[in-house]
């Protein structure tokens, strides 16, 4: 499921990206003992988020070379807090609002602005409600941390935030279970912020894949053959 973003004000008429309706599943990170910190050269732009320091210059170079790898989304200007640093008016006026800002997934389902504060401030001053943004998942931005210490700290931090919400459902052969799972889709934007969501049904993977694609069910599903007995016995009859 996707929705089309429409810009207002100075960006009216500019093609806007498609925004995914919900994020991907959240998983734990296995620390890589061979991790090599992103090198820093003179003039590189860095963004510190506590101990986590990202090399923004290298991220922008990588995105420019491989734009199709990154989700281009539309974000609300109001959803971001104001920066606690003073702005130089000339820098704000020079900001290009058509250039996507960068968002990095710092905790499961939560994305922080790491590049584009001047564009965000200009949008506020001009009354622009939305901005285009590249959204980097944790798997995409980890390589741009500038120290091994920060990398290991981030892995521990992330894994401490991961939760899994496992939803039991009898699958598409039960009308009310199908209706209930359809309703779950509307809650995914809220549920996937603090946790991963997986739908557990008794169907084999190929059946799950077909029904998920046709009805927009959660992208992560698991098969539990033991639940099939509930379809003909007292254990069945709806979500549990």
C-alpha atoms as a PDB file:
ATOM      1  CA  UNK A   1       0.000   0.000   0.000  1.00  0.00           C
ATOM      2  CA  UNK A   2       1.340   3.405  -0.945  1.00  0.00           C
ATOM      3  CA  UNK A   3       0.071   6.941  -1.015  1.00  0.00           C
ATOM      4  CA  UNK A   4       1.027   9.786  -3.306  1.00  0.00           C
ATOM      5  CA  UNK A   5       2.384  12.935  -1.658  1.00  0.00           C
ATOM      6  CA  UNK A   6       1.384  16.371  -2.957  1.00  0.00           C
ATOM      7  CA  UNK A   7       3.427  19.464  -2.169  1.00  0.00           C
ATOM      8  CA  UNK A   8       2.048  22.933  -1.621  1.00  0.00           C
ATOM      9  CA  UNK A   9       3.524  26.427  -1.816  1.00  0.00           C
ATOM     10  CA  UNK A  10       6.835  26.838  -3.715  1.00  0.00           C
ATOM     11  CA  UNK A  11       7.008  23.070  -4.400  1.00  0.00           C
ATOM     12  CA  UNK A  12       3.596  22.907  -6.096  1.00  0.00           C
ATOM     13  CA  UNK A  13       3.957  21.116  -9.411  1.00  0.00           C
ATOM     14  CA  UNK A  14       7.210  19.395  -8.451  1.00  0.00           C
ATOM     15  CA  UNK A  15       6.865  15.567  -8.785  1.00  0.00           C
ATOM     16  CA  UNK A  16       6.664  14.082  -5.296  1.00  0.00           C
ATOM     17  CA  UNK A  17       7.827  10.638  -4.137  1.00  0.00           C
ATOM     18  CA  UNK A  18       5.643   7.736  -3.181  1.00  0.00           C
ATOM     19  CA  UNK A  19       5.442   7.206   0.569  1.00  0.00           C
ATOM     20  CA  UNK A  20       5.306   3.636   1.940  1.00  0.00           C
ATOM     21  CA  UNK A  21       2.347   3.076   4.262  1.00  0.00           C
ATOM     22  CA  UNK A  22       4.436   1.242   6.857  1.00  0.00           C
ATOM     23  CA  UNK A  23       8.020   0.383   7.633  1.00  0.00           C
ATOM     24  CA  UNK A  24       9.757  -2.924   7.183  1.00  0.00           C
ATOM     25  CA  UNK A  25      10.143  -5.511   9.902  1.00  0.00           C
ATOM     26  CA  UNK A  26      12.486  -4.683  12.759  1.00  0.00           C
ATOM     27  CA  UNK A  27      15.239  -7.234  13.423  1.00  0.00           C
ATOM     28  CA  UNK A  28      18.144  -7.567  15.819  1.00  0.00           C
ATOM     29  CA  UNK A  29      21.618  -6.710  14.573  1.00  0.00           C
ATOM     30  CA  UNK A  30      24.476  -9.190  14.731  1.00  0.00           C
ATOM     31  CA  UNK A  31      27.682  -7.261  15.404  1.00  0.00           C
ATOM     32  CA  UNK A  32      30.219  -7.654  12.601  1.00  0.00           C
ATOM     33  CA  UNK A  33      33.717  -8.269  14.043  1.00  0.00           C
ATOM     34  CA  UNK A  34      35.228  -7.060  10.759  1.00  0.00           C
ATOM     35  CA  UNK A  35      33.401  -3.702  10.797  1.00  0.00           C
ATOM     36  CA  UNK A  36      35.565  -0.898   9.407  1.00  0.00           C
ATOM     37  CA  UNK A  37      34.651   2.669  10.440  1.00  0.00           C
ATOM     38  CA  UNK A  38      33.829   5.110   7.685  1.00  0.00           C
ATOM     39  CA  UNK A  39      36.952   7.198   7.014  1.00  0.00           C
ATOM     40  CA  UNK A  40      36.837  10.951   7.588  1.00  0.00           C
ATOM     41  CA  UNK A  41      38.675  13.398   5.362  1.00  0.00           C
ATOM     42  CA  UNK A  42      39.203  17.138   5.714  1.00  0.00           C
ATOM     43  CA  UNK A  43      36.046  18.971   4.747  1.00  0.00           C
ATOM     44  CA  UNK A  44      33.678  16.054   5.336  1.00  0.00           C
ATOM     45  CA  UNK A  45      30.352  16.996   6.909  1.00  0.00           C
ATOM     46  CA  UNK A  46      29.684  14.990  10.065  1.00  0.00           C
ATOM     47  CA  UNK A  47      26.472  14.652  12.048  1.00  0.00           C
ATOM     48  CA  UNK A  48      26.856  13.707  15.714  1.00  0.00           C
ATOM     49  CA  UNK A  49      23.925  12.018  17.440  1.00  0.00           C
ATOM     50  CA  UNK A  50      25.387  11.484  20.889  1.00  0.00           C
ATOM     51  CA  UNK A  51      28.193   8.955  20.527  1.00  0.00           C
ATOM     52  CA  UNK A  52      26.916   8.046  17.044  1.00  0.00           C
ATOM     53  CA  UNK A  53      28.726  10.192  14.454  1.00  0.00           C
ATOM     54  CA  UNK A  54      27.703   9.797  10.805  1.00  0.00           C
ATOM     55  CA  UNK A  55      29.762  10.877   7.809  1.00  0.00           C
ATOM     56  CA  UNK A  56      27.057  12.770   5.913  1.00  0.00           C
ATOM     57  CA  UNK A  57      29.354  13.554   2.987  1.00  0.00           C
ATOM     58  CA  UNK A  58      29.935   9.861   2.302  1.00  0.00           C
ATOM     59  CA  UNK A  59      26.215   9.087   2.711  1.00  0.00           C
ATOM     60  CA  UNK A  60      25.283  11.739   0.142  1.00  0.00           C
ATOM     61  CA  UNK A  61      27.873  10.412  -2.296  1.00  0.00           C
ATOM     62  CA  UNK A  62      26.536   6.874  -1.924  1.00  0.00           C
ATOM     63  CA  UNK A  63      22.910   7.969  -2.332  1.00  0.00           C
ATOM     64  CA  UNK A  64      23.830   9.945  -5.460  1.00  0.00           C
ATOM     65  CA  UNK A  65      25.430   6.834  -6.976  1.00  0.00           C
ATOM     66  CA  UNK A  66      22.644   4.425  -5.944  1.00  0.00           C
ATOM     67  CA  UNK A  67      19.398   6.423  -5.535  1.00  0.00           C
ATOM     68  CA  UNK A  68      17.169   3.424  -6.284  1.00  0.00           C
ATOM     69  CA  UNK A  69      18.406   1.668  -3.125  1.00  0.00           C
ATOM     70  CA  UNK A  70      16.828   4.242  -0.832  1.00  0.00           C
ATOM     71  CA  UNK A  71      13.206   5.013  -0.020  1.00  0.00           C
ATOM     72  CA  UNK A  72      12.229   8.461  -1.285  1.00  0.00           C
ATOM     73  CA  UNK A  73       9.397   9.623   0.965  1.00  0.00           C
ATOM     74  CA  UNK A  74       7.367  12.733   1.685  1.00  0.00           C
ATOM     75  CA  UNK A  75       7.686  14.056   5.256  1.00  0.00           C
ATOM     76  CA  UNK A  76       5.681  16.605   7.190  1.00  0.00           C
ATOM     77  CA  UNK A  77       7.663  19.658   8.286  1.00  0.00           C
ATOM     78  CA  UNK A  78       5.615  19.830  11.494  1.00  0.00           C
ATOM     79  CA  UNK A  79       6.725  16.336  12.538  1.00  0.00           C
ATOM     80  CA  UNK A  80      10.271  17.539  13.304  1.00  0.00           C
ATOM     81  CA  UNK A  81      11.299  19.597  16.345  1.00  0.00           C
ATOM     82  CA  UNK A  82      13.057  22.896  15.798  1.00  0.00           C
ATOM     83  CA  UNK A  83      16.850  22.788  15.781  1.00  0.00           C
ATOM     84  CA  UNK A  84      18.366  24.152  18.982  1.00  0.00           C
ATOM     85  CA  UNK A  85      21.117  26.074  17.125  1.00  0.00           C
ATOM     86  CA  UNK A  86      20.949  29.564  15.567  1.00  0.00           C
ATOM     87  CA  UNK A  87      20.619  29.834  11.793  1.00  0.00           C
ATOM     88  CA  UNK A  88      22.407  32.201   9.425  1.00  0.00           C
ATOM     89  CA  UNK A  89      19.630  33.770   7.366  1.00  0.00           C
ATOM     90  CA  UNK A  90      21.677  33.716   4.151  1.00  0.00           C
ATOM     91  CA  UNK A  91      22.255  29.960   4.529  1.00  0.00           C
ATOM     92  CA  UNK A  92      18.564  29.362   5.080  1.00  0.00           C
ATOM     93  CA  UNK A  93      17.572  31.382   2.009  1.00  0.00           C
ATOM     94  CA  UNK A  94      20.114  29.504  -0.124  1.00  0.00           C
ATOM     95  CA  UNK A  95      18.690  26.103   0.851  1.00  0.00           C
ATOM     96  CA  UNK A  96      17.205  24.099  -2.031  1.00  0.00           C
ATOM     97  CA  UNK A  97      13.789  22.734  -1.010  1.00  0.00           C
ATOM     98  CA  UNK A  98      13.686  20.355  -3.965  1.00  0.00           C
ATOM     99  CA  UNK A  99      16.774  18.537  -2.654  1.00  0.00           C
ATOM    100  CA  UNK A 100      15.748  15.621  -0.381  1.00  0.00           C
ATOM    101  CA  UNK A 101      16.761  15.744   3.273  1.00  0.00           C
ATOM    102  CA  UNK A 102      18.288  12.665   4.938  1.00  0.00           C
ATOM    103  CA  UNK A 103      16.564  10.583   7.608  1.00  0.00           C
ATOM    104  CA  UNK A 104      18.332   7.776   9.475  1.00  0.00           C
ATOM    105  CA  UNK A 105      16.641   5.001  11.450  1.00  0.00           C
ATOM    106  CA  UNK A 106      18.185   5.527  14.883  1.00  0.00           C
ATOM    107  CA  UNK A 107      15.778   3.250  16.747  1.00  0.00           C
ATOM    108  CA  UNK A 108      13.323   0.692  15.315  1.00  0.00           C
ATOM    109  CA  UNK A 109      10.830   2.542  13.144  1.00  0.00           C
ATOM    110  CA  UNK A 110      12.049   5.967  14.309  1.00  0.00           C
ATOM    111  CA  UNK A 111      13.915   8.171  11.823  1.00  0.00           C
ATOM    112  CA  UNK A 112      15.996  11.219  12.790  1.00  0.00           C
ATOM    113  CA  UNK A 113      16.970  14.112  10.535  1.00  0.00           C
ATOM    114  CA  UNK A 114      20.744  13.989   9.927  1.00  0.00           C
ATOM    115  CA  UNK A 115      20.985  16.354   6.952  1.00  0.00           C
ATOM    116  CA  UNK A 116      18.693  19.197   5.869  1.00  0.00           C
ATOM    117  CA  UNK A 117      18.134  21.435   8.901  1.00  0.00           C
ATOM    118  CA  UNK A 118      18.423  24.607   6.805  1.00  0.00           C
ATOM    119  CA  UNK A 119      15.925  23.237   4.285  1.00  0.00           C
ATOM    120  CA  UNK A 120      13.567  22.397   7.129  1.00  0.00           C
ATOM    121  CA  UNK A 121      13.875  25.925   8.558  1.00  0.00           C
ATOM    122  CA  UNK A 122      13.297  27.486   5.131  1.00  0.00           C
ATOM    123  CA  UNK A 123      10.205  25.330   4.663  1.00  0.00           C
ATOM    124  CA  UNK A 124       8.835  26.615   7.976  1.00  0.00           C
ATOM    125  CA  UNK A 125       9.476  30.228   7.025  1.00  0.00           C
ATOM    126  CA  UNK A 126       7.907  29.826   3.587  1.00  0.00           C
ATOM    127  CA  UNK A 127       4.901  27.872   4.820  1.00  0.00           C
ATOM    128  CA  UNK A 128       5.842  24.668   2.972  1.00  0.00           C
ATOM    129  CA  UNK A 129       4.132  21.715   4.633  1.00  0.00           C
ATOM    130  CA  UNK A 130       6.114  18.777   3.228  1.00  0.00           C
ATOM    131  CA  UNK A 131       9.619  18.005   1.999  1.00  0.00           C
ATOM    132  CA  UNK A 132      11.116  15.096   0.037  1.00  0.00           C
ATOM    133  CA  UNK A 133      13.453  12.888   2.046  1.00  0.00           C
ATOM    134  CA  UNK A 134      15.688   9.877   1.596  1.00  0.00           C
ATOM    135  CA  UNK A 135      15.016   7.450   4.406  1.00  0.00           C
ATOM    136  CA  UNK A 136      17.957   5.232   5.394  1.00  0.00           C
ATOM    137  CA  UNK A 137      17.255   2.037   7.286  1.00  0.00           C
ATOM    138  CA  UNK A 138      19.654   0.851   9.957  1.00  0.00           C
ATOM    139  CA  UNK A 139      21.218  -1.623   7.518  1.00  0.00           C
ATOM    140  CA  UNK A 140      21.924   1.225   5.105  1.00  0.00           C
ATOM    141  CA  UNK A 141      23.493   3.767   7.454  1.00  0.00           C
ATOM    142  CA  UNK A 142      25.559   1.597   9.827  1.00  0.00           C
ATOM    143  CA  UNK A 143      28.535   1.568   7.452  1.00  0.00           C
ATOM    144  CA  UNK A 144      28.814   5.359   7.736  1.00  0.00           C
ATOM    145  CA  UNK A 145      29.522   5.440  11.480  1.00  0.00           C
ATOM    146  CA  UNK A 146      32.979   6.889  12.011  1.00  0.00           C
ATOM    147  CA  UNK A 147      34.281   4.722  14.867  1.00  0.00           C
ATOM    148  CA  UNK A 148      34.189   1.076  15.959  1.00  0.00           C
ATOM    149  CA  UNK A 149      33.212   2.195  19.457  1.00  0.00           C
ATOM    150  CA  UNK A 150      30.158   3.988  18.088  1.00  0.00           C
ATOM    151  CA  UNK A 151      29.267   0.968  15.947  1.00  0.00           C
ATOM    152  CA  UNK A 152      29.297  -1.472  18.874  1.00  0.00           C
ATOM    153  CA  UNK A 153      27.397   0.989  21.059  1.00  0.00           C
ATOM    154  CA  UNK A 154      24.783   1.404  18.346  1.00  0.00           C
ATOM    155  CA  UNK A 155      24.332  -2.364  17.978  1.00  0.00           C
ATOM    156  CA  UNK A 156      23.724  -2.680  21.735  1.00  0.00           C
ATOM    157  CA  UNK A 157      21.373   0.300  21.716  1.00  0.00           C
ATOM    158  CA  UNK A 158      19.377  -0.988  18.746  1.00  0.00           C
ATOM    159  CA  UNK A 159      19.044  -4.556  20.035  1.00  0.00           C
ATOM    160  CA  UNK A 160      17.773  -3.205  23.347  1.00  0.00           C
ATOM    161  CA  UNK A 161      14.925  -1.488  21.482  1.00  0.00           C
ATOM    162  CA  UNK A 162      13.763  -4.384  19.294  1.00  0.00           C
ATOM    163  CA  UNK A 163      10.411  -5.968  20.113  1.00  0.00           C
ATOM    164  CA  UNK A 164       8.280  -8.461  18.194  1.00  0.00           C
ATOM    165  CA  UNK A 165       4.483  -8.397  18.099  1.00  0.00           C
ATOM    166  CA  UNK A 166       3.332 -11.838  16.912  1.00  0.00           C
ATOM    167  CA  UNK A 167      -0.308 -11.885  15.781  1.00  0.00           C
ATOM    168  CA  UNK A 168      -2.052 -15.289  15.641  1.00  0.00           C
ATOM    169  CA  UNK A 169      -4.661 -15.682  12.889  1.00  0.00           C
ATOM    170  CA  UNK A 170      -6.484 -18.672  11.371  1.00  0.00           C
ATOM    171  CA  UNK A 171      -5.876 -17.420   7.831  1.00  0.00           C
ATOM    172  CA  UNK A 172      -7.992 -16.678   4.747  1.00  0.00           C
ATOM    173  CA  UNK A 173     -10.226 -19.760   5.076  1.00  0.00           C
ATOM    174  CA  UNK A 174     -12.006 -18.042   7.975  1.00  0.00           C
ATOM    175  CA  UNK A 175     -13.979 -14.987   6.867  1.00  0.00           C
ATOM    176  CA  UNK A 176     -13.793 -13.169  10.177  1.00  0.00           C
ATOM    177  CA  UNK A 177     -10.073 -13.855  10.516  1.00  0.00           C
ATOM    178  CA  UNK A 178      -9.557 -12.411   7.045  1.00  0.00           C
ATOM    179  CA  UNK A 179     -11.610  -9.339   7.959  1.00  0.00           C
ATOM    180  CA  UNK A 180      -9.672  -8.942  11.215  1.00  0.00           C
ATOM    181  CA  UNK A 181      -6.309  -9.124   9.444  1.00  0.00           C
ATOM    182  CA  UNK A 182      -7.526  -6.565   6.895  1.00  0.00           C
ATOM    183  CA  UNK A 183      -8.211  -4.193   9.785  1.00  0.00           C
ATOM    184  CA  UNK A 184      -4.723  -4.785  11.172  1.00  0.00           C
ATOM    185  CA  UNK A 185      -3.200  -3.167   8.072  1.00  0.00           C
ATOM    186  CA  UNK A 186      -4.583   0.229   9.097  1.00  0.00           C
ATOM    187  CA  UNK A 187      -2.802  -0.022  12.461  1.00  0.00           C
ATOM    188  CA  UNK A 188       0.604  -0.938  11.028  1.00  0.00           C
ATOM    189  CA  UNK A 189       1.965   2.657  10.878  1.00  0.00           C
ATOM    190  CA  UNK A 190       1.484   2.851  14.653  1.00  0.00           C
ATOM    191  CA  UNK A 191       2.415  -0.722  15.589  1.00  0.00           C
ATOM    192  CA  UNK A 192       5.661  -0.809  13.623  1.00  0.00           C
ATOM    193  CA  UNK A 193       7.117   2.251  15.361  1.00  0.00           C
ATOM    194  CA  UNK A 194       7.977   0.486  18.640  1.00  0.00           C
ATOM    195  CA  UNK A 195       8.074  -3.122  17.393  1.00  0.00           C
ATOM    196  CA  UNK A 196       8.213  -5.554  14.527  1.00  0.00           C
ATOM    197  CA  UNK A 197       4.910  -7.120  13.485  1.00  0.00           C
ATOM    198  CA  UNK A 198       4.473 -10.621  12.094  1.00  0.00           C
ATOM    199  CA  UNK A 199       1.259 -12.472  11.247  1.00  0.00           C
ATOM    200  CA  UNK A 200       1.194 -16.156  12.205  1.00  0.00           C
ATOM    201  CA  UNK A 201      -1.200 -18.394  10.246  1.00  0.00           C
ATOM    202  CA  UNK A 202      -1.429 -22.160   9.627  1.00  0.00           C
ATOM    203  CA  UNK A 203      -1.034 -21.739   5.857  1.00  0.00           C
ATOM    204  CA  UNK A 204       2.057 -22.834   3.895  1.00  0.00           C
ATOM    205  CA  UNK A 205       4.380 -20.014   2.741  1.00  0.00           C
ATOM    206  CA  UNK A 206       3.143 -19.972  -0.867  1.00  0.00           C
ATOM    207  CA  UNK A 207      -0.461 -19.421   0.293  1.00  0.00           C
ATOM    208  CA  UNK A 208       0.644 -16.734   2.732  1.00  0.00           C
ATOM    209  CA  UNK A 209       2.576 -14.939   0.015  1.00  0.00           C
ATOM    210  CA  UNK A 210      -0.404 -14.904  -2.337  1.00  0.00           C
ATOM    211  CA  UNK A 211      -2.905 -13.638   0.227  1.00  0.00           C
ATOM    212  CA  UNK A 212      -0.474 -11.026   1.575  1.00  0.00           C
ATOM    213  CA  UNK A 213       0.113  -9.615  -1.909  1.00  0.00           C
ATOM    214  CA  UNK A 214      -3.591  -9.570  -2.761  1.00  0.00           C
ATOM    215  CA  UNK A 215      -4.790  -7.969   0.490  1.00  0.00           C
ATOM    216  CA  UNK A 216      -1.815  -5.887   1.621  1.00  0.00           C
ATOM    217  CA  UNK A 217      -1.237  -7.893   4.807  1.00  0.00           C
ATOM    218  CA  UNK A 218       1.963  -7.426   6.849  1.00  0.00           C
ATOM    219  CA  UNK A 219       5.090  -8.116   4.786  1.00  0.00           C
ATOM    220  CA  UNK A 220       6.343 -10.552   7.438  1.00  0.00           C
ATOM    221  CA  UNK A 221       4.335 -13.733   7.982  1.00  0.00           C
ATOM    222  CA  UNK A 222       5.139 -17.043   9.665  1.00  0.00           C
ATOM    223  CA  UNK A 223       3.618 -20.480   9.132  1.00  0.00           C
ATOM    224  CA  UNK A 224       2.539 -22.660  12.073  1.00  0.00           C
ATOM    225  CA  UNK A 225       1.182 -26.023  10.817  1.00  0.00           C
ATOM    226  CA  UNK A 226       0.159 -26.941  14.378  1.00  0.00           C
ATOM    227  CA  UNK A 227      -2.620 -24.385  14.183  1.00  0.00           C
ATOM    228  CA  UNK A 228      -4.325 -26.252  11.332  1.00  0.00           C
ATOM    229  CA  UNK A 229      -6.104 -28.535  13.769  1.00  0.00           C
ATOM    230  CA  UNK A 230      -8.067 -25.488  14.911  1.00  0.00           C
ATOM    231  CA  UNK A 231      -9.801 -25.239  11.557  1.00  0.00           C
ATOM    232  CA  UNK A 232     -11.879 -28.339  12.227  1.00  0.00           C
ATOM    233  CA  UNK A 233     -11.926 -28.344  16.003  1.00  0.00           C
ATOM    234  CA  UNK A 234     -12.880 -26.126  18.917  1.00  0.00           C
ATOM    235  CA  UNK A 235      -9.501 -24.366  18.871  1.00  0.00           C
ATOM    236  CA  UNK A 236     -10.348 -22.446  15.690  1.00  0.00           C
ATOM    237  CA  UNK A 237     -12.612 -19.520  15.034  1.00  0.00           C
ATOM    238  CA  UNK A 238     -10.678 -16.289  14.965  1.00  0.00           C
ATOM    239  CA  UNK A 239      -7.667 -14.359  16.125  1.00  0.00           C
ATOM    240  CA  UNK A 240      -6.090 -15.512  19.356  1.00  0.00           C
END
